[in-house]
N, C-alpha and C. Protein backbone atom coordinates (compact mmCIF):
# COMPACT_ATOMS: atom_id res chain seq x y z
N MET A 1 0.84 -1.18 0.00
CA MET A 1 0.00 0.00 0.00
C MET A 1 0.89 1.25 0.00
N ASP A 2 0.56 2.21 -0.82
CA ASP A 2 1.35 3.42 -0.94
C ASP A 2 1.16 4.33 0.27
N LYS A 3 2.23 5.00 0.62
CA LYS A 3 2.20 5.97 1.71
C LYS A 3 2.32 7.37 1.13
N HIS A 4 1.67 8.30 1.79
CA HIS A 4 1.77 9.71 1.41
C HIS A 4 2.13 10.50 2.65
N TYR A 5 3.16 11.33 2.52
CA TYR A 5 3.65 12.14 3.63
C TYR A 5 3.18 13.57 3.46
N THR A 6 2.80 14.20 4.57
CA THR A 6 2.43 15.60 4.57
C THR A 6 3.32 16.32 5.58
N LEU A 7 3.89 17.43 5.13
CA LEU A 7 4.78 18.23 5.98
C LEU A 7 4.23 19.64 6.10
N TRP A 8 4.26 20.17 7.31
CA TRP A 8 3.99 21.58 7.56
C TRP A 8 5.32 22.17 7.95
N ILE A 9 5.78 23.16 7.19
CA ILE A 9 7.14 23.68 7.38
C ILE A 9 7.16 25.20 7.42
N LYS A 10 8.32 25.73 7.81
CA LYS A 10 8.63 27.16 7.66
C LYS A 10 9.81 27.22 6.70
N SER A 11 9.79 28.17 5.80
CA SER A 11 10.78 28.20 4.72
C SER A 11 12.21 28.43 5.22
N ALA A 12 12.39 29.10 6.35
CA ALA A 12 13.74 29.38 6.85
C ALA A 12 14.25 28.32 7.82
N CYS A 13 13.57 27.20 7.93
CA CYS A 13 13.92 26.15 8.90
C CYS A 13 14.82 25.11 8.24
N CYS A 14 16.03 24.93 8.78
CA CYS A 14 16.97 23.97 8.18
C CYS A 14 16.48 22.52 8.32
N PHE A 15 15.78 22.20 9.42
CA PHE A 15 15.27 20.84 9.59
C PHE A 15 14.10 20.56 8.65
N CYS A 16 13.35 21.60 8.32
CA CYS A 16 12.27 21.47 7.33
C CYS A 16 12.85 21.15 5.96
N THR A 17 13.93 21.84 5.62
CA THR A 17 14.61 21.59 4.35
C THR A 17 15.18 20.17 4.31
N LYS A 18 15.77 19.73 5.41
CA LYS A 18 16.31 18.37 5.47
C LYS A 18 15.21 17.34 5.31
N ALA A 19 14.06 17.57 5.93
CA ALA A 19 12.95 16.62 5.82
C ALA A 19 12.44 16.56 4.38
N ARG A 20 12.26 17.72 3.77
CA ARG A 20 11.81 17.77 2.38
C ARG A 20 12.81 17.07 1.46
N ASN A 21 14.09 17.35 1.65
CA ASN A 21 15.11 16.73 0.82
C ASN A 21 15.17 15.21 1.01
N LYS A 22 14.96 14.76 2.22
CA LYS A 22 14.96 13.31 2.50
C LYS A 22 13.82 12.62 1.73
N LEU A 23 12.66 13.22 1.72
CA LEU A 23 11.53 12.63 0.99
C LEU A 23 11.78 12.65 -0.52
N ILE A 24 12.39 13.71 -1.01
CA ILE A 24 12.73 13.78 -2.43
C ILE A 24 13.78 12.73 -2.76
N GLU A 25 14.81 12.63 -1.94
CA GLU A 25 15.89 11.67 -2.14
C GLU A 25 15.36 10.22 -2.16
N GLU A 26 14.41 9.94 -1.28
CA GLU A 26 13.83 8.59 -1.19
C GLU A 26 12.72 8.37 -2.22
N LYS A 27 12.40 9.43 -2.99
CA LYS A 27 11.34 9.38 -4.01
C LYS A 27 9.99 8.98 -3.39
N LEU A 28 9.67 9.61 -2.27
CA LEU A 28 8.43 9.33 -1.55
C LEU A 28 7.40 10.41 -1.86
N ASP A 29 6.17 9.97 -2.05
CA ASP A 29 5.05 10.86 -2.36
C ASP A 29 4.79 11.78 -1.16
N HIS A 30 4.72 13.09 -1.40
CA HIS A 30 4.53 14.00 -0.29
C HIS A 30 3.89 15.32 -0.73
N THR A 31 3.33 15.99 0.26
CA THR A 31 2.76 17.32 0.10
C THR A 31 3.39 18.21 1.15
N ILE A 32 3.72 19.44 0.75
CA ILE A 32 4.33 20.38 1.68
C ILE A 32 3.43 21.61 1.82
N HIS A 33 3.20 22.00 3.07
CA HIS A 33 2.46 23.22 3.37
C HIS A 33 3.44 24.19 4.02
N ILE A 34 3.72 25.31 3.35
CA ILE A 34 4.60 26.33 3.90
C ILE A 34 3.75 27.26 4.76
N MET A 35 4.10 27.33 6.05
CA MET A 35 3.24 28.00 7.02
C MET A 35 3.76 29.38 7.44
N ASP A 36 4.66 29.96 6.67
CA ASP A 36 5.25 31.26 7.03
C ASP A 36 4.20 32.33 7.31
N ASP A 37 3.14 32.35 6.54
CA ASP A 37 2.10 33.38 6.67
C ASP A 37 0.87 32.88 7.42
N LYS A 38 0.98 31.73 8.09
CA LYS A 38 -0.17 31.16 8.79
C LYS A 38 0.21 30.73 10.21
N PRO A 39 0.71 31.67 11.03
CA PRO A 39 1.19 31.30 12.36
C PRO A 39 0.11 30.74 13.28
N GLU A 40 -1.12 31.25 13.18
CA GLU A 40 -2.20 30.75 14.04
C GLU A 40 -2.55 29.31 13.69
N GLU A 41 -2.63 29.03 12.40
CA GLU A 41 -2.93 27.66 11.96
C GLU A 41 -1.80 26.70 12.36
N LEU A 42 -0.56 27.15 12.23
CA LEU A 42 0.58 26.33 12.63
C LEU A 42 0.56 26.07 14.13
N ASP A 43 0.23 27.07 14.92
CA ASP A 43 0.14 26.89 16.37
C ASP A 43 -0.92 25.85 16.74
N LYS A 44 -2.03 25.85 16.03
CA LYS A 44 -3.09 24.86 16.29
C LYS A 44 -2.60 23.46 15.97
N LEU A 45 -1.86 23.31 14.89
CA LEU A 45 -1.33 21.99 14.53
C LEU A 45 -0.29 21.53 15.55
N LYS A 46 0.56 22.45 16.00
CA LYS A 46 1.55 22.10 17.02
C LYS A 46 0.86 21.64 18.30
N GLU A 47 -0.20 22.33 18.66
CA GLU A 47 -0.96 21.97 19.86
C GLU A 47 -1.64 20.61 19.68
N LEU A 48 -2.21 20.38 18.51
CA LEU A 48 -2.88 19.12 18.23
C LEU A 48 -1.94 17.93 18.41
N TRP A 49 -0.73 18.06 17.92
CA TRP A 49 0.22 16.95 17.97
C TRP A 49 1.25 17.09 19.10
N ARG A 50 1.02 18.09 19.97
CA ARG A 50 1.92 18.31 21.12
C ARG A 50 3.38 18.40 20.67
N GLN A 51 3.60 19.22 19.67
CA GLN A 51 4.93 19.40 19.09
C GLN A 51 5.28 20.88 19.17
N LYS A 52 6.50 21.20 19.58
CA LYS A 52 6.88 22.60 19.75
C LYS A 52 7.62 23.17 18.54
N THR A 53 8.12 22.31 17.67
CA THR A 53 8.94 22.77 16.56
C THR A 53 8.39 22.28 15.22
N VAL A 54 8.95 22.82 14.14
CA VAL A 54 8.65 22.35 12.80
C VAL A 54 9.89 21.62 12.28
N PRO A 55 9.74 20.74 11.34
CA PRO A 55 8.53 20.42 10.60
C PRO A 55 7.58 19.53 11.42
N LEU A 56 6.34 19.54 10.99
CA LEU A 56 5.34 18.61 11.49
C LEU A 56 5.11 17.62 10.35
N ILE A 57 5.30 16.34 10.62
CA ILE A 57 5.24 15.34 9.55
C ILE A 57 4.23 14.26 9.89
N VAL A 58 3.35 13.99 8.93
CA VAL A 58 2.31 12.96 9.06
C VAL A 58 2.44 12.02 7.87
N VAL A 59 2.21 10.73 8.13
CA VAL A 59 2.18 9.75 7.03
C VAL A 59 0.76 9.18 6.96
N GLN A 60 0.27 9.07 5.74
CA GLN A 60 -1.06 8.49 5.47
C GLN A 60 -0.85 7.20 4.70
N GLU A 61 -1.41 6.11 5.23
CA GLU A 61 -1.36 4.83 4.54
C GLU A 61 -2.76 4.27 4.52
N GLY A 62 -3.38 4.33 3.35
CA GLY A 62 -4.79 3.94 3.26
C GLY A 62 -5.62 4.92 4.08
N GLU A 63 -6.44 4.38 4.97
CA GLU A 63 -7.28 5.22 5.82
C GLU A 63 -6.57 5.64 7.11
N GLU A 64 -5.40 5.08 7.37
CA GLU A 64 -4.69 5.34 8.62
C GLU A 64 -3.73 6.51 8.49
N GLU A 65 -3.82 7.42 9.44
CA GLU A 65 -2.93 8.57 9.49
C GLU A 65 -2.12 8.50 10.77
N LYS A 66 -0.81 8.74 10.66
CA LYS A 66 0.06 8.66 11.83
C LYS A 66 0.97 9.88 11.87
N PHE A 67 1.02 10.54 13.04
CA PHE A 67 1.94 11.65 13.22
C PHE A 67 3.32 11.07 13.50
N ILE A 68 4.30 11.47 12.68
CA ILE A 68 5.67 10.98 12.84
C ILE A 68 6.44 11.87 13.79
N GLY A 69 6.38 13.19 13.59
CA GLY A 69 7.13 14.14 14.42
C GLY A 69 7.89 15.10 13.54
N GLY A 70 9.18 15.32 13.87
CA GLY A 70 10.03 16.23 13.13
C GLY A 70 11.01 15.48 12.23
N PHE A 71 12.08 16.17 11.82
CA PHE A 71 13.03 15.57 10.89
C PHE A 71 13.70 14.31 11.43
N THR A 72 14.23 14.36 12.65
CA THR A 72 14.93 13.18 13.18
C THR A 72 13.96 12.02 13.35
N ASP A 73 12.71 12.33 13.70
CA ASP A 73 11.69 11.27 13.79
C ASP A 73 11.43 10.66 12.42
N LEU A 74 11.39 11.49 11.39
CA LEU A 74 11.20 11.00 10.02
C LEU A 74 12.36 10.10 9.62
N ARG A 75 13.58 10.57 9.87
CA ARG A 75 14.76 9.78 9.53
C ARG A 75 14.72 8.42 10.21
N ASP A 76 14.39 8.39 11.50
CA ASP A 76 14.30 7.13 12.24
C ASP A 76 13.16 6.26 11.70
N TYR A 77 12.03 6.87 11.40
CA TYR A 77 10.86 6.15 10.86
C TYR A 77 11.21 5.47 9.54
N LEU A 78 11.91 6.19 8.68
CA LEU A 78 12.26 5.63 7.37
C LEU A 78 13.28 4.51 7.51
N GLN A 79 14.21 4.60 8.46
CA GLN A 79 15.19 3.53 8.67
C GLN A 79 14.50 2.26 9.16
N VAL A 80 13.57 2.40 10.07
CA VAL A 80 12.83 1.24 10.59
C VAL A 80 11.95 0.66 9.50
N ASP A 81 11.34 1.54 8.70
CA ASP A 81 10.44 1.12 7.64
C ASP A 81 11.17 0.34 6.55
N ASP A 82 12.47 0.59 6.37
CA ASP A 82 13.24 -0.08 5.33
C ASP A 82 13.56 -1.54 5.68
N VAL A 83 13.50 -1.88 6.97
CA VAL A 83 13.91 -3.23 7.41
C VAL A 83 12.89 -4.25 7.03
């Protein structure tokens, strides 16, 4: 089953860039939402997932959605997923 990743990022964030580049490098299907002009919406998402930093990364597989976390969480998730 195919997975789709969604990232909420800020354009000046180095970890956001690393997360985006990792998904591109791995050729993984993804959508990016740049939240520079949407601080209130970003704050609501951070609160929803109890996350203080960006990027916010979610993976969708079929009907199941899972919050992964930030860049290092994505990197760890992809390493485990490869096994």
